[in-house]
Amino acid sequence: MADIPFFPEKTPEKDDKLTFVLIFVPCFAVFFIVALLGQLVGVHWRSWLPGAENMTNVFAGVKAAVYTFMSHII
């Protein structure tokens, strides 16, 4: 019988965190600008962003939208 080595689950490395930040920050900035412009114009912007429908403030709505968007691209 072959000896199969045991490899524990890999923990997130620095590169994985950097990749997450490099995707999260630009997406957050773009969605925040869209939400802010919608808020200033008086349009119901929460329906435009995925995952932000039930959020009460702009930051929570944008954060939810970014996490929903990232789950589709990653």
PDB file of N, CA and C in Angstrom:
ATOM      1  N   MET A   1       0.848  -1.163   0.000  1.00  0.00           N
ATOM      2  CA  MET A   1       0.000   0.000   0.000  1.00  0.00           C
ATOM      3  C   MET A   1       0.902   1.237   0.000  1.00  0.00           C
ATOM      4  N   ALA A   2       0.533   2.209  -0.784  1.00  0.00           N
ATOM      5  CA  ALA A   2       1.334   3.428  -0.891  1.00  0.00           C
ATOM      6  C   ALA A   2       1.128   4.301   0.336  1.00  0.00           C
ATOM      7  N   ASP A   3       2.206   4.933   0.742  1.00  0.00           N
ATOM      8  CA  ASP A   3       2.145   5.839   1.887  1.00  0.00           C
ATOM      9  C   ASP A   3       1.705   7.217   1.391  1.00  0.00           C
ATOM     10  N   ILE A   4       0.509   7.627   1.758  1.00  0.00           N
ATOM     11  CA  ILE A   4      -0.041   8.905   1.317  1.00  0.00           C
ATOM     12  C   ILE A   4       0.188   9.929   2.414  1.00  0.00           C
ATOM     13  N   PRO A   5       0.957  10.978   2.124  1.00  0.00           N
ATOM     14  CA  PRO A   5       1.212  11.986   3.161  1.00  0.00           C
ATOM     15  C   PRO A   5      -0.038  12.813   3.440  1.00  0.00           C
ATOM     16  N   PHE A   6      -0.143  13.287   4.653  1.00  0.00           N
ATOM     17  CA  PHE A   6      -1.277  14.107   5.077  1.00  0.00           C
ATOM     18  C   PHE A   6      -0.884  15.572   4.975  1.00  0.00           C
ATOM     19  N   PHE A   7      -1.662  16.331   4.242  1.00  0.00           N
ATOM     20  CA  PHE A   7      -1.422  17.764   4.124  1.00  0.00           C
ATOM     21  C   PHE A   7      -2.592  18.497   4.764  1.00  0.00           C
ATOM     22  N   PRO A   8      -2.354  19.230   5.841  1.00  0.00           N
ATOM     23  CA  PRO A   8      -3.453  19.972   6.462  1.00  0.00           C
ATOM     24  C   PRO A   8      -3.959  21.065   5.521  1.00  0.00           C
ATOM     25  N   GLU A   9      -5.164  21.542   5.818  1.00  0.00           N
ATOM     26  CA  GLU A   9      -5.735  22.595   4.982  1.00  0.00           C
ATOM     27  C   GLU A   9      -4.822  23.799   4.953  1.00  0.00           C
ATOM     28  N   LYS A  10      -4.740  24.370   3.803  1.00  0.00           N
ATOM     29  CA  LYS A  10      -3.885  25.532   3.605  1.00  0.00           C
ATOM     30  C   LYS A  10      -4.560  26.773   4.194  1.00  0.00           C
ATOM     31  N   THR A  11      -3.838  27.519   4.985  1.00  0.00           N
ATOM     32  CA  THR A  11      -4.381  28.757   5.541  1.00  0.00           C
ATOM     33  C   THR A  11      -4.165  29.889   4.542  1.00  0.00           C
ATOM     34  N   PRO A  12      -5.010  30.903   4.580  1.00  0.00           N
ATOM     35  CA  PRO A  12      -4.836  32.021   3.650  1.00  0.00           C
ATOM     36  C   PRO A  12      -3.473  32.679   3.840  1.00  0.00           C
ATOM     37  N   GLU A  13      -2.816  32.882   2.742  1.00  0.00           N
ATOM     38  CA  GLU A  13      -1.500  33.500   2.793  1.00  0.00           C
ATOM     39  C   GLU A  13      -1.613  34.992   2.531  1.00  0.00           C
ATOM     40  N   LYS A  14      -0.486  35.653   2.593  1.00  0.00           N
ATOM     41  CA  LYS A  14      -0.440  37.091   2.383  1.00  0.00           C
ATOM     42  C   LYS A  14      -0.915  37.447   0.973  1.00  0.00           C
ATOM     43  N   ASP A  15      -0.560  36.617  -0.009  1.00  0.00           N
ATOM     44  CA  ASP A  15      -0.977  36.887  -1.382  1.00  0.00           C
ATOM     45  C   ASP A  15      -2.495  36.805  -1.536  1.00  0.00           C
ATOM     46  N   ASP A  16      -3.123  35.871  -0.825  1.00  0.00           N
ATOM     47  CA  ASP A  16      -4.575  35.757  -0.888  1.00  0.00           C
ATOM     48  C   ASP A  16      -5.247  36.990  -0.297  1.00  0.00           C
ATOM     49  N   LYS A  17      -4.697  37.500   0.786  1.00  0.00           N
ATOM     50  CA  LYS A  17      -5.265  38.706   1.403  1.00  0.00           C
ATOM     51  C   LYS A  17      -5.065  39.908   0.502  1.00  0.00           C
ATOM     52  N   LEU A  18      -3.910  39.996  -0.137  1.00  0.00           N
ATOM     53  CA  LEU A  18      -3.636  41.101  -1.045  1.00  0.00           C
ATOM     54  C   LEU A  18      -4.579  41.053  -2.246  1.00  0.00           C
ATOM     55  N   THR A  19      -4.810  39.869  -2.766  1.00  0.00           N
ATOM     56  CA  THR A  19      -5.738  39.707  -3.881  1.00  0.00           C
ATOM     57  C   THR A  19      -7.144  40.129  -3.481  1.00  0.00           C
ATOM     58  N   PHE A  20      -7.570  39.733  -2.279  1.00  0.00           N
ATOM     59  CA  PHE A  20      -8.887  40.126  -1.792  1.00  0.00           C
ATOM     60  C   PHE A  20      -8.999  41.648  -1.716  1.00  0.00           C
ATOM     61  N   VAL A  21      -7.981  42.303  -1.175  1.00  0.00           N
ATOM     62  CA  VAL A  21      -8.010  43.761  -1.030  1.00  0.00           C
ATOM     63  C   VAL A  21      -7.998  44.431  -2.401  1.00  0.00           C
ATOM     64  N   LEU A  22      -7.213  43.893  -3.336  1.00  0.00           N
ATOM     65  CA  LEU A  22      -7.141  44.493  -4.670  1.00  0.00           C
ATOM     66  C   LEU A  22      -8.433  44.338  -5.459  1.00  0.00           C
ATOM     67  N   ILE A  23      -9.271  43.397  -5.081  1.00  0.00           N
ATOM     68  CA  ILE A  23     -10.583  43.273  -5.711  1.00  0.00           C
ATOM     69  C   ILE A  23     -11.630  44.058  -4.929  1.00  0.00           C
ATOM     70  N   PHE A  24     -11.588  43.976  -3.592  1.00  0.00           N
ATOM     71  CA  PHE A  24     -12.617  44.591  -2.759  1.00  0.00           C
ATOM     72  C   PHE A  24     -12.602  46.118  -2.848  1.00  0.00           C
ATOM     73  N   VAL A  25     -11.435  46.728  -2.732  1.00  0.00           N
ATOM     74  CA  VAL A  25     -11.348  48.194  -2.660  1.00  0.00           C
ATOM     75  C   VAL A  25     -11.841  48.873  -3.938  1.00  0.00           C
ATOM     76  N   PRO A  26     -11.383  48.475  -5.141  1.00  0.00           N
ATOM     77  CA  PRO A  26     -11.930  49.147  -6.334  1.00  0.00           C
ATOM     78  C   PRO A  26     -13.426  48.917  -6.524  1.00  0.00           C
ATOM     79  N   CYS A  27     -13.890  47.699  -6.226  1.00  0.00           N
ATOM     80  CA  CYS A  27     -15.330  47.434  -6.345  1.00  0.00           C
ATOM     81  C   CYS A  27     -16.124  48.277  -5.355  1.00  0.00           C
ATOM     82  N   PHE A  28     -15.602  48.391  -4.129  1.00  0.00           N
ATOM     83  CA  PHE A  28     -16.279  49.209  -3.135  1.00  0.00           C
ATOM     84  C   PHE A  28     -16.333  50.662  -3.595  1.00  0.00           C
ATOM     85  N   ALA A  29     -15.244  51.168  -4.158  1.00  0.00           N
ATOM     86  CA  ALA A  29     -15.212  52.560  -4.619  1.00  0.00           C
ATOM     87  C   ALA A  29     -16.226  52.801  -5.737  1.00  0.00           C
ATOM     88  N   VAL A  30     -16.282  51.891  -6.691  1.00  0.00           N
ATOM     89  CA  VAL A  30     -17.222  52.058  -7.811  1.00  0.00           C
ATOM     90  C   VAL A  30     -18.663  51.982  -7.319  1.00  0.00           C
ATOM     91  N   PHE A  31     -18.977  50.966  -6.512  1.00  0.00           N
ATOM     92  CA  PHE A  31     -20.343  50.834  -6.004  1.00  0.00           C
ATOM     93  C   PHE A  31     -20.713  51.990  -5.079  1.00  0.00           C
ATOM     94  N   PHE A  32     -19.744  52.496  -4.319  1.00  0.00           N
ATOM     95  CA  PHE A  32     -20.023  53.625  -3.431  1.00  0.00           C
ATOM     96  C   PHE A  32     -20.354  54.874  -4.238  1.00  0.00           C
ATOM     97  N   ILE A  33     -19.624  55.097  -5.313  1.00  0.00           N
ATOM     98  CA  ILE A  33     -19.904  56.259  -6.164  1.00  0.00           C
ATOM     99  C   ILE A  33     -21.296  56.137  -6.786  1.00  0.00           C
ATOM    100  N   VAL A  34     -21.647  54.942  -7.242  1.00  0.00           N
ATOM    101  CA  VAL A  34     -22.986  54.725  -7.809  1.00  0.00           C
ATOM    102  C   VAL A  34     -24.058  54.981  -6.752  1.00  0.00           C
ATOM    103  N   ALA A  35     -23.836  54.451  -5.546  1.00  0.00           N
ATOM    104  CA  ALA A  35     -24.817  54.635  -4.473  1.00  0.00           C
ATOM    105  C   ALA A  35     -24.901  56.099  -4.044  1.00  0.00           C
ATOM    106  N   LEU A  36     -23.767  56.757  -3.968  1.00  0.00           N
ATOM    107  CA  LEU A  36     -23.759  58.162  -3.567  1.00  0.00           C
ATOM    108  C   LEU A  36     -24.455  59.039  -4.602  1.00  0.00           C
ATOM    109  N   LEU A  37     -24.195  58.800  -5.866  1.00  0.00           N
ATOM    110  CA  LEU A  37     -24.885  59.561  -6.913  1.00  0.00           C
ATOM    111  C   LEU A  37     -26.391  59.279  -6.890  1.00  0.00           C
ATOM    112  N   GLY A  38     -26.753  58.038  -6.692  1.00  0.00           N
ATOM    113  CA  GLY A  38     -28.173  57.705  -6.584  1.00  0.00           C
ATOM    114  C   GLY A  38     -28.829  58.367  -5.389  1.00  0.00           C
ATOM    115  N   GLN A  39     -28.104  58.413  -4.274  1.00  0.00           N
ATOM    116  CA  GLN A  39     -28.628  59.060  -3.060  1.00  0.00           C
ATOM    117  C   GLN A  39     -28.802  60.560  -3.281  1.00  0.00           C
ATOM    118  N   LEU A  40     -27.834  61.191  -3.954  1.00  0.00           N
ATOM    119  CA  LEU A  40     -27.904  62.634  -4.194  1.00  0.00           C
ATOM    120  C   LEU A  40     -29.021  63.003  -5.172  1.00  0.00           C
ATOM    121  N   VAL A  41     -29.243  62.155  -6.152  1.00  0.00           N
ATOM    122  CA  VAL A  41     -30.286  62.418  -7.136  1.00  0.00           C
ATOM    123  C   VAL A  41     -31.662  62.083  -6.580  1.00  0.00           C
ATOM    124  N   GLY A  42     -31.705  61.195  -5.603  1.00  0.00           N
ATOM    125  CA  GLY A  42     -32.975  60.823  -5.001  1.00  0.00           C
ATOM    126  C   GLY A  42     -33.588  59.583  -5.621  1.00  0.00           C
ATOM    127  N   VAL A  43     -32.758  58.775  -6.237  1.00  0.00           N
ATOM    128  CA  VAL A  43     -33.214  57.554  -6.889  1.00  0.00           C
ATOM    129  C   VAL A  43     -33.061  56.389  -5.914  1.00  0.00           C
ATOM    130  N   HIS A  44     -33.922  55.382  -6.049  1.00  0.00           N
ATOM    131  CA  HIS A  44     -33.840  54.202  -5.195  1.00  0.00           C
ATOM    132  C   HIS A  44     -32.699  53.315  -5.697  1.00  0.00           C
ATOM    133  N   TRP A  45     -31.471  53.589  -5.257  1.00  0.00           N
ATOM    134  CA  TRP A  45     -30.268  52.935  -5.759  1.00  0.00           C
ATOM    135  C   TRP A  45     -30.088  51.521  -5.223  1.00  0.00           C
ATOM    136  N   ARG A  46     -30.744  51.174  -4.137  1.00  0.00           N
ATOM    137  CA  ARG A  46     -30.545  49.840  -3.550  1.00  0.00           C
ATOM    138  C   ARG A  46     -30.985  48.723  -4.487  1.00  0.00           C
ATOM    139  N   SER A  47     -31.929  49.004  -5.351  1.00  0.00           N
ATOM    140  CA  SER A  47     -32.364  47.979  -6.304  1.00  0.00           C
ATOM    141  C   SER A  47     -31.353  47.787  -7.432  1.00  0.00           C
ATOM    142  N   TRP A  48     -30.441  48.726  -7.607  1.00  0.00           N
ATOM    143  CA  TRP A  48     -29.413  48.609  -8.641  1.00  0.00           C
ATOM    144  C   TRP A  48     -28.294  47.677  -8.224  1.00  0.00           C
ATOM    145  N   LEU A  49     -27.993  47.637  -6.930  1.00  0.00           N
ATOM    146  CA  LEU A  49     -26.843  46.875  -6.447  1.00  0.00           C
ATOM    147  C   LEU A  49     -27.280  45.523  -5.893  1.00  0.00           C
ATOM    148  N   PRO A  50     -26.588  44.454  -6.278  1.00  0.00           N
ATOM    149  CA  PRO A  50     -26.979  43.123  -5.797  1.00  0.00           C
ATOM    150  C   PRO A  50     -26.687  42.955  -4.309  1.00  0.00           C
ATOM    151  N   GLY A  51     -27.658  42.512  -3.553  1.00  0.00           N
ATOM    152  CA  GLY A  51     -27.463  42.262  -2.129  1.00  0.00           C
ATOM    153  C   GLY A  51     -27.721  43.444  -1.222  1.00  0.00           C
ATOM    154  N   ALA A  52     -27.994  44.614  -1.778  1.00  0.00           N
ATOM    155  CA  ALA A  52     -28.156  45.820  -0.968  1.00  0.00           C
ATOM    156  C   ALA A  52     -29.611  46.189  -0.728  1.00  0.00           C
ATOM    157  N   GLU A  53     -30.520  45.348  -1.116  1.00  0.00           N
ATOM    158  CA  GLU A  53     -31.933  45.703  -1.071  1.00  0.00           C
ATOM    159  C   GLU A  53     -32.462  45.988   0.324  1.00  0.00           C
ATOM    160  N   ASN A  54     -32.023  45.252   1.331  1.00  0.00           N
ATOM    161  CA  ASN A  54     -32.582  45.396   2.678  1.00  0.00           C
ATOM    162  C   ASN A  54     -31.679  46.162   3.637  1.00  0.00           C
ATOM    163  N   MET A  55     -30.635  46.776   3.155  1.00  0.00           N
ATOM    164  CA  MET A  55     -29.705  47.502   4.021  1.00  0.00           C
ATOM    165  C   MET A  55     -30.237  48.895   4.321  1.00  0.00           C
ATOM    166  N   THR A  56     -29.905  49.391   5.511  1.00  0.00           N
ATOM    167  CA  THR A  56     -30.459  50.669   5.952  1.00  0.00           C
ATOM    168  C   THR A  56     -29.569  51.864   5.654  1.00  0.00           C
ATOM    169  N   ASN A  57     -28.257  51.664   5.538  1.00  0.00           N
ATOM    170  CA  ASN A  57     -27.399  52.804   5.236  1.00  0.00           C
ATOM    171  C   ASN A  57     -26.541  52.518   4.010  1.00  0.00           C
ATOM    172  N   VAL A  58     -25.870  53.537   3.517  1.00  0.00           N
ATOM    173  CA  VAL A  58     -25.115  53.441   2.278  1.00  0.00           C
ATOM    174  C   VAL A  58     -23.941  52.477   2.418  1.00  0.00           C
ATOM    175  N   PHE A  59     -23.180  52.580   3.498  1.00  0.00           N
ATOM    176  CA  PHE A  59     -21.996  51.741   3.659  1.00  0.00           C
ATOM    177  C   PHE A  59     -22.350  50.257   3.761  1.00  0.00           C
ATOM    178  N   ALA A  60     -23.369  49.927   4.513  1.00  0.00           N
ATOM    179  CA  ALA A  60     -23.788  48.531   4.637  1.00  0.00           C
ATOM    180  C   ALA A  60     -24.311  48.002   3.306  1.00  0.00           C
ATOM    181  N   GLY A  61     -25.032  48.821   2.585  1.00  0.00           N
ATOM    182  CA  GLY A  61     -25.546  48.409   1.282  1.00  0.00           C
ATOM    183  C   GLY A  61     -24.444  48.178   0.276  1.00  0.00           C
ATOM    184  N   VAL A  62     -23.465  49.074   0.257  1.00  0.00           N
ATOM    185  CA  VAL A  62     -22.345  48.928  -0.669  1.00  0.00           C
ATOM    186  C   VAL A  62     -21.501  47.720  -0.294  1.00  0.00           C
ATOM    187  N   LYS A  63     -21.263  47.513   0.991  1.00  0.00           N
ATOM    188  CA  LYS A  63     -20.476  46.365   1.433  1.00  0.00           C
ATOM    189  C   LYS A  63     -21.169  45.061   1.048  1.00  0.00           C
ATOM    190  N   ALA A  64     -22.471  44.982   1.246  1.00  0.00           N
ATOM    191  CA  ALA A  64     -23.226  43.785   0.864  1.00  0.00           C
ATOM    192  C   ALA A  64     -23.180  43.578  -0.645  1.00  0.00           C
ATOM    193  N   ALA A  65     -23.264  44.656  -1.396  1.00  0.00           N
ATOM    194  CA  ALA A  65     -23.213  44.544  -2.851  1.00  0.00           C
ATOM    195  C   ALA A  65     -21.852  44.054  -3.327  1.00  0.00           C
ATOM    196  N   VAL A  66     -20.787  44.540  -2.706  1.00  0.00           N
ATOM    197  CA  VAL A  66     -19.450  44.116  -3.105  1.00  0.00           C
ATOM    198  C   VAL A  66     -19.238  42.636  -2.794  1.00  0.00           C
ATOM    199  N   TYR A  67     -19.664  42.191  -1.613  1.00  0.00           N
ATOM    200  CA  TYR A  67     -19.496  40.771  -1.276  1.00  0.00           C
ATOM    201  C   TYR A  67     -20.337  39.895  -2.205  1.00  0.00           C
ATOM    202  N   THR A  68     -21.527  40.336  -2.572  1.00  0.00           N
ATOM    203  CA  THR A  68     -22.353  39.568  -3.508  1.00  0.00           C
ATOM    204  C   THR A  68     -21.701  39.534  -4.877  1.00  0.00           C
ATOM    205  N   PHE A  69     -21.186  40.662  -5.322  1.00  0.00           N
ATOM    206  CA  PHE A  69     -20.507  40.739  -6.618  1.00  0.00           C
ATOM    207  C   PHE A  69     -19.256  39.860  -6.635  1.00  0.00           C
ATOM    208  N   MET A  70     -18.488  39.900  -5.543  1.00  0.00           N
ATOM    209  CA  MET A  70     -17.260  39.107  -5.482  1.00  0.00           C
ATOM    210  C   MET A  70     -17.562  37.613  -5.477  1.00  0.00           C
ATOM    211  N   SER A  71     -18.664  37.211  -4.902  1.00  0.00           N
ATOM    212  CA  SER A  71     -18.999  35.784  -4.905  1.00  0.00           C
ATOM    213  C   SER A  71     -19.322  35.288  -6.308  1.00  0.00           C
ATOM    214  N   HIS A  72     -19.708  36.205  -7.190  1.00  0.00           N
ATOM    215  CA  HIS A  72     -19.983  35.811  -8.575  1.00  0.00           C
ATOM    216  C   HIS A  72     -18.736  35.776  -9.439  1.00  0.00           C
ATOM    217  N   ILE A  73     -17.728  36.588  -9.106  1.00  0.00           N
ATOM    218  CA  ILE A  73     -16.532  36.625  -9.957  1.00  0.00           C
ATOM    219  C   ILE A  73     -15.426  35.711  -9.480  1.00  0.00           C
ATOM    220  N   ILE A  74     -15.475  35.281  -8.232  1.00  0.00           N
ATOM    221  CA  ILE A  74     -14.387  34.434  -7.713  1.00  0.00           C
ATOM    222  C   ILE A  74     -14.832  32.994  -7.663  1.00  0.00           C
TER     223      ILE A  74
END
